[in-house]
Amino acid sequence: MVGLCARRAAWWWLLLREQVLVFSTSFGALLCLAFDAAQLTRGLLGQGRAIDETGPRMLSTFFRLAVSPMLQAPKHWQRFDRLSLVVLRCALALPAGSLLATVAMGGLASLGRFAQRCHEVRDVELERAAHSRLFVWCLNICSGVTGLTSFALFVRVYSDWREGRQPR
């Protein structure tokens, strides 16, 4: 059981790491960063609103909406916007939750043996995961969903930002 949990933990870690990388480097995140940088530059040059008046930055709003299950989508968002946010949260939470559950099961079996076994099998299992068609297919689908839904979140956050609305 410890060996199985160690192998699964390596796979879930790889999937979680990939989703976090896709999300944090997605068009949505990069566009939020670009708009925040442009606003900061305009504020520093005196061409836009004062820096203090801009409210929360788009990038921080973008990340808070994506990862916080307690933060609800604003009421004025359409169904697609809300669904996109839920799907993005699931795409990020599924590997994290599964990884935590696997680590907990392995830890219950034997924490010391589990850590040793994880270290032993990590490289081999990451290689096996990279060669698994099903895993690569799943990874690509998850990456696509994460990328598309994070872009949809950016569009919604940008639209709200332009209208001066802030999520509660």
C-alpha atoms as a PDB file:
ATOM      1  CA  MET A   1       0.000   0.000   0.000  1.00  0.00           C
ATOM      2  CA  VAL A   2       2.846   2.381   0.808  1.00  0.00           C
ATOM      3  CA  GLY A   3       4.391   1.766  -2.619  1.00  0.00           C
ATOM      4  CA  LEU A   4       1.091   2.359  -4.393  1.00  0.00           C
ATOM      5  CA  CYS A   5       0.498   5.594  -2.459  1.00  0.00           C
ATOM      6  CA  ALA A   6       4.042   6.758  -3.232  1.00  0.00           C
ATOM      7  CA  ARG A   7       3.560   6.130  -6.952  1.00  0.00           C
ATOM      8  CA  ARG A   8       0.186   7.876  -6.991  1.00  0.00           C
ATOM      9  CA  ALA A   9       1.574  10.818  -4.993  1.00  0.00           C
ATOM     10  CA  ALA A  10       4.271  11.293  -7.648  1.00  0.00           C
ATOM     11  CA  TRP A  11       1.639  11.338 -10.413  1.00  0.00           C
ATOM     12  CA  TRP A  12      -0.724  13.676  -8.545  1.00  0.00           C
ATOM     13  CA  TRP A  13       2.190  15.991  -7.727  1.00  0.00           C
ATOM     14  CA  LEU A  14       3.125  16.131 -11.408  1.00  0.00           C
ATOM     15  CA  LEU A  15      -0.471  16.936 -12.392  1.00  0.00           C
ATOM     16  CA  LEU A  16      -0.818  19.597  -9.667  1.00  0.00           C
ATOM     17  CA  ARG A  17       2.504  21.202 -10.563  1.00  0.00           C
ATOM     18  CA  GLU A  18       1.525  21.336 -14.230  1.00  0.00           C
ATOM     19  CA  GLN A  19      -1.867  22.905 -13.469  1.00  0.00           C
ATOM     20  CA  VAL A  20      -0.328  25.548 -11.211  1.00  0.00           C
ATOM     21  CA  LEU A  21       2.234  26.383 -13.907  1.00  0.00           C
ATOM     22  CA  VAL A  22      -0.429  26.563 -16.629  1.00  0.00           C
ATOM     23  CA  PHE A  23      -2.674  28.743 -14.466  1.00  0.00           C
ATOM     24  CA  SER A  24       0.029  31.114 -13.269  1.00  0.00           C
ATOM     25  CA  THR A  25       1.440  31.580 -16.790  1.00  0.00           C
ATOM     26  CA  SER A  26      -1.907  31.610 -18.598  1.00  0.00           C
ATOM     27  CA  PHE A  27      -3.015  34.423 -20.855  1.00  0.00           C
ATOM     28  CA  GLY A  28      -5.445  35.492 -18.154  1.00  0.00           C
ATOM     29  CA  ALA A  29      -2.753  35.855 -15.481  1.00  0.00           C
ATOM     30  CA  LEU A  30      -0.276  37.497 -17.839  1.00  0.00           C
ATOM     31  CA  LEU A  31      -2.886  39.944 -19.138  1.00  0.00           C
ATOM     32  CA  CYS A  32      -3.887  40.842 -15.565  1.00  0.00           C
ATOM     33  CA  LEU A  33      -0.221  41.440 -14.791  1.00  0.00           C
ATOM     34  CA  ALA A  34       0.162  43.594 -17.919  1.00  0.00           C
ATOM     35  CA  PHE A  35      -2.885  45.705 -17.082  1.00  0.00           C
ATOM     36  CA  ASP A  36      -1.693  46.154 -13.499  1.00  0.00           C
ATOM     37  CA  ALA A  37       1.743  47.199 -14.760  1.00  0.00           C
ATOM     38  CA  ALA A  38       0.177  49.644 -17.225  1.00  0.00           C
ATOM     39  CA  GLN A  39      -1.996  51.138 -14.488  1.00  0.00           C
ATOM     40  CA  LEU A  40       0.970  51.452 -12.161  1.00  0.00           C
ATOM     41  CA  THR A  41       3.010  53.127 -14.895  1.00  0.00           C
ATOM     42  CA  ARG A  42       0.196  55.557 -15.708  1.00  0.00           C
ATOM     43  CA  GLY A  43      -0.234  56.313 -12.023  1.00  0.00           C
ATOM     44  CA  LEU A  44       3.469  56.950 -11.545  1.00  0.00           C
ATOM     45  CA  LEU A  45       3.552  59.236 -14.589  1.00  0.00           C
ATOM     46  CA  GLY A  46       0.462  61.089 -13.391  1.00  0.00           C
ATOM     47  CA  GLN A  47      -1.575  60.151 -16.477  1.00  0.00           C
ATOM     48  CA  GLY A  48      -4.191  57.990 -14.808  1.00  0.00           C
ATOM     49  CA  ARG A  49      -6.098  57.656 -11.589  1.00  0.00           C
ATOM     50  CA  ALA A  50      -4.099  57.918  -8.402  1.00  0.00           C
ATOM     51  CA  ILE A  51      -2.473  54.647  -7.382  1.00  0.00           C
ATOM     52  CA  ASP A  52      -4.469  54.451  -4.155  1.00  0.00           C
ATOM     53  CA  GLU A  53      -7.779  54.958  -6.005  1.00  0.00           C
ATOM     54  CA  THR A  54      -7.395  51.971  -8.326  1.00  0.00           C
ATOM     55  CA  GLY A  55      -8.543  49.478  -5.683  1.00  0.00           C
ATOM     56  CA  PRO A  56      -7.330  45.905  -5.679  1.00  0.00           C
ATOM     57  CA  ARG A  57      -5.041  44.971  -8.513  1.00  0.00           C
ATOM     58  CA  MET A  58      -6.478  42.766 -11.257  1.00  0.00           C
ATOM     59  CA  LEU A  59      -3.876  40.032 -10.717  1.00  0.00           C
ATOM     60  CA  SER A  60      -4.655  39.664  -7.022  1.00  0.00           C
ATOM     61  CA  THR A  61      -8.402  39.616  -7.768  1.00  0.00           C
ATOM     62  CA  PHE A  62      -7.781  37.045 -10.511  1.00  0.00           C
ATOM     63  CA  PHE A  63      -5.852  34.721  -8.168  1.00  0.00           C
ATOM     64  CA  ARG A  64      -8.235  35.198  -5.225  1.00  0.00           C
ATOM     65  CA  LEU A  65     -11.258  34.354  -7.387  1.00  0.00           C
ATOM     66  CA  ALA A  66      -9.554  31.277  -8.830  1.00  0.00           C
ATOM     67  CA  VAL A  67      -8.326  29.664  -5.629  1.00  0.00           C
ATOM     68  CA  SER A  68     -10.727  30.787  -2.910  1.00  0.00           C
ATOM     69  CA  PRO A  69     -13.819  28.600  -2.623  1.00  0.00           C
ATOM     70  CA  MET A  70     -15.210  30.983   0.005  1.00  0.00           C
ATOM     71  CA  LEU A  71     -15.177  33.916  -2.429  1.00  0.00           C
ATOM     72  CA  GLN A  72     -18.318  33.753  -4.561  1.00  0.00           C
ATOM     73  CA  ALA A  73     -18.575  35.065  -8.077  1.00  0.00           C
ATOM     74  CA  PRO A  74     -20.237  38.483  -8.243  1.00  0.00           C
ATOM     75  CA  LYS A  75     -23.994  38.341  -8.756  1.00  0.00           C
ATOM     76  CA  HIS A  76     -23.892  40.247 -12.054  1.00  0.00           C
ATOM     77  CA  TRP A  77     -21.780  37.554 -13.769  1.00  0.00           C
ATOM     78  CA  GLN A  78     -23.493  35.434 -16.408  1.00  0.00           C
ATOM     79  CA  ARG A  79     -23.888  31.642 -16.086  1.00  0.00           C
ATOM     80  CA  PHE A  80     -20.923  30.943 -18.361  1.00  0.00           C
ATOM     81  CA  ASP A  81     -18.687  33.174 -16.229  1.00  0.00           C
ATOM     82  CA  ARG A  82     -19.764  31.409 -13.031  1.00  0.00           C
ATOM     83  CA  LEU A  83     -19.408  27.969 -14.620  1.00  0.00           C
ATOM     84  CA  SER A  84     -15.971  28.864 -15.960  1.00  0.00           C
ATOM     85  CA  LEU A  85     -14.880  29.895 -12.463  1.00  0.00           C
ATOM     86  CA  VAL A  86     -16.198  26.657 -10.927  1.00  0.00           C
ATOM     87  CA  VAL A  87     -14.467  24.531 -13.579  1.00  0.00           C
ATOM     88  CA  LEU A  88     -11.193  26.401 -13.056  1.00  0.00           C
ATOM     89  CA  ARG A  89     -11.407  25.916  -9.298  1.00  0.00           C
ATOM     90  CA  CYS A  90     -12.081  22.199  -9.810  1.00  0.00           C
ATOM     91  CA  ALA A  91      -9.167  21.878 -12.241  1.00  0.00           C
ATOM     92  CA  LEU A  92      -6.876  23.341  -9.588  1.00  0.00           C
ATOM     93  CA  ALA A  93      -8.432  21.618  -6.565  1.00  0.00           C
ATOM     94  CA  LEU A  94      -8.777  18.084  -7.950  1.00  0.00           C
ATOM     95  CA  PRO A  95      -5.057  17.281  -8.125  1.00  0.00           C
ATOM     96  CA  ALA A  96      -4.374  19.123  -4.867  1.00  0.00           C
ATOM     97  CA  GLY A  97      -7.100  17.249  -2.993  1.00  0.00           C
ATOM     98  CA  SER A  98      -6.095  13.911  -4.472  1.00  0.00           C
ATOM     99  CA  LEU A  99      -2.447  14.533  -3.656  1.00  0.00           C
ATOM    100  CA  LEU A 100      -3.321  15.383  -0.055  1.00  0.00           C
ATOM    101  CA  ALA A 101      -5.539  12.307   0.285  1.00  0.00           C
ATOM    102  CA  THR A 102      -2.819  10.060  -1.156  1.00  0.00           C
ATOM    103  CA  VAL A 103      -0.154  11.521   1.101  1.00  0.00           C
ATOM    104  CA  ALA A 104      -2.453  11.100   4.127  1.00  0.00           C
ATOM    105  CA  MET A 105      -3.153   7.453   3.253  1.00  0.00           C
ATOM    106  CA  GLY A 106       0.517   6.770   2.692  1.00  0.00           C
ATOM    107  CA  GLY A 107       1.393   8.593   5.887  1.00  0.00           C
ATOM    108  CA  LEU A 108      -1.051   6.498   7.840  1.00  0.00           C
ATOM    109  CA  ALA A 109       0.497   3.331   6.420  1.00  0.00           C
ATOM    110  CA  SER A 110       3.942   4.389   7.532  1.00  0.00           C
ATOM    111  CA  LEU A 111       5.305   7.905   7.347  1.00  0.00           C
ATOM    112  CA  GLY A 112       8.972   6.948   7.311  1.00  0.00           C
ATOM    113  CA  ARG A 113       8.602   4.127   4.803  1.00  0.00           C
ATOM    114  CA  PHE A 114       6.372   6.280   2.638  1.00  0.00           C
ATOM    115  CA  ALA A 115       8.956   9.103   2.420  1.00  0.00           C
ATOM    116  CA  GLN A 116      11.725   6.623   1.609  1.00  0.00           C
ATOM    117  CA  ARG A 117       9.615   4.928  -1.040  1.00  0.00           C
ATOM    118  CA  CYS A 118       8.589   8.288  -2.568  1.00  0.00           C
ATOM    119  CA  HIS A 119      12.245   9.203  -2.916  1.00  0.00           C
ATOM    120  CA  GLU A 120      13.025   5.805  -4.489  1.00  0.00           C
ATOM    121  CA  VAL A 121      10.223   5.785  -7.035  1.00  0.00           C
ATOM    122  CA  ARG A 122       9.876   9.470  -7.868  1.00  0.00           C
ATOM    123  CA  ASP A 123      12.127   9.623 -10.931  1.00  0.00           C
ATOM    124  CA  VAL A 124      10.962   6.293 -12.327  1.00  0.00           C
ATOM    125  CA  GLU A 125       7.281   7.138 -11.852  1.00  0.00           C
ATOM    126  CA  LEU A 126       7.646  10.590 -13.377  1.00  0.00           C
ATOM    127  CA  GLU A 127       9.225   8.931 -16.418  1.00  0.00           C
ATOM    128  CA  ARG A 128       6.452   6.326 -16.537  1.00  0.00           C
ATOM    129  CA  ALA A 129       3.839   9.065 -16.247  1.00  0.00           C
ATOM    130  CA  ALA A 130       5.442  10.949 -19.136  1.00  0.00           C
ATOM    131  CA  HIS A 131       5.194   7.808 -21.288  1.00  0.00           C
ATOM    132  CA  SER A 132       1.623   6.957 -20.321  1.00  0.00           C
ATOM    133  CA  ARG A 133      -0.728   7.962 -23.143  1.00  0.00           C
ATOM    134  CA  LEU A 134      -3.701   8.175 -20.800  1.00  0.00           C
ATOM    135  CA  PHE A 135      -1.834  10.360 -18.312  1.00  0.00           C
ATOM    136  CA  VAL A 136      -0.458  12.663 -21.026  1.00  0.00           C
ATOM    137  CA  TRP A 137      -3.951  12.885 -22.536  1.00  0.00           C
ATOM    138  CA  CYS A 138      -5.404  13.743 -19.118  1.00  0.00           C
ATOM    139  CA  LEU A 139      -2.605  16.260 -18.501  1.00  0.00           C
ATOM    140  CA  ASN A 140      -3.249  17.974 -21.836  1.00  0.00           C
ATOM    141  CA  ILE A 141      -6.997  18.144 -21.247  1.00  0.00           C
ATOM    142  CA  CYS A 142      -6.521  19.534 -17.733  1.00  0.00           C
ATOM    143  CA  SER A 143      -4.004  22.065 -19.030  1.00  0.00           C
ATOM    144  CA  GLY A 144      -6.390  23.136 -21.786  1.00  0.00           C
ATOM    145  CA  VAL A 145      -9.290  23.514 -19.357  1.00  0.00           C
ATOM    146  CA  THR A 146      -7.112  25.450 -16.911  1.00  0.00           C
ATOM    147  CA  GLY A 147      -5.794  27.743 -19.642  1.00  0.00           C
ATOM    148  CA  LEU A 148      -9.181  28.444 -21.225  1.00  0.00           C
ATOM    149  CA  THR A 149     -11.057  28.980 -17.981  1.00  0.00           C
ATOM    150  CA  SER A 150      -8.318  31.235 -16.595  1.00  0.00           C
ATOM    151  CA  PHE A 151      -8.601  33.348 -19.751  1.00  0.00           C
ATOM    152  CA  ALA A 152     -12.388  33.497 -19.298  1.00  0.00           C
ATOM    153  CA  LEU A 153     -11.807  34.594 -15.687  1.00  0.00           C
ATOM    154  CA  PHE A 154      -9.463  37.326 -16.916  1.00  0.00           C
ATOM    155  CA  VAL A 155     -12.120  38.590 -19.344  1.00  0.00           C
ATOM    156  CA  ARG A 156     -14.662  38.756 -16.531  1.00  0.00           C
ATOM    157  CA  VAL A 157     -12.237  40.419 -14.063  1.00  0.00           C
ATOM    158  CA  TYR A 158     -11.173  42.916 -16.733  1.00  0.00           C
ATOM    159  CA  SER A 159     -14.802  43.703 -17.571  1.00  0.00           C
ATOM    160  CA  ASP A 160     -15.572  44.294 -13.898  1.00  0.00           C
ATOM    161  CA  TRP A 161     -12.433  46.376 -13.503  1.00  0.00           C
ATOM    162  CA  ARG A 162     -13.448  48.581 -16.443  1.00  0.00           C
ATOM    163  CA  GLU A 163     -16.891  49.087 -14.863  1.00  0.00           C
ATOM    164  CA  GLY A 164     -15.398  49.800 -11.449  1.00  0.00           C
ATOM    165  CA  ARG A 165     -16.926  46.709  -9.797  1.00  0.00           C
ATOM    166  CA  GLN A 166     -15.066  44.640  -7.218  1.00  0.00           C
ATOM    167  CA  PRO A 167     -15.915  41.092  -6.074  1.00  0.00           C
ATOM    168  CA  ARG A 168     -17.027  40.776  -2.478  1.00  0.00           C
END
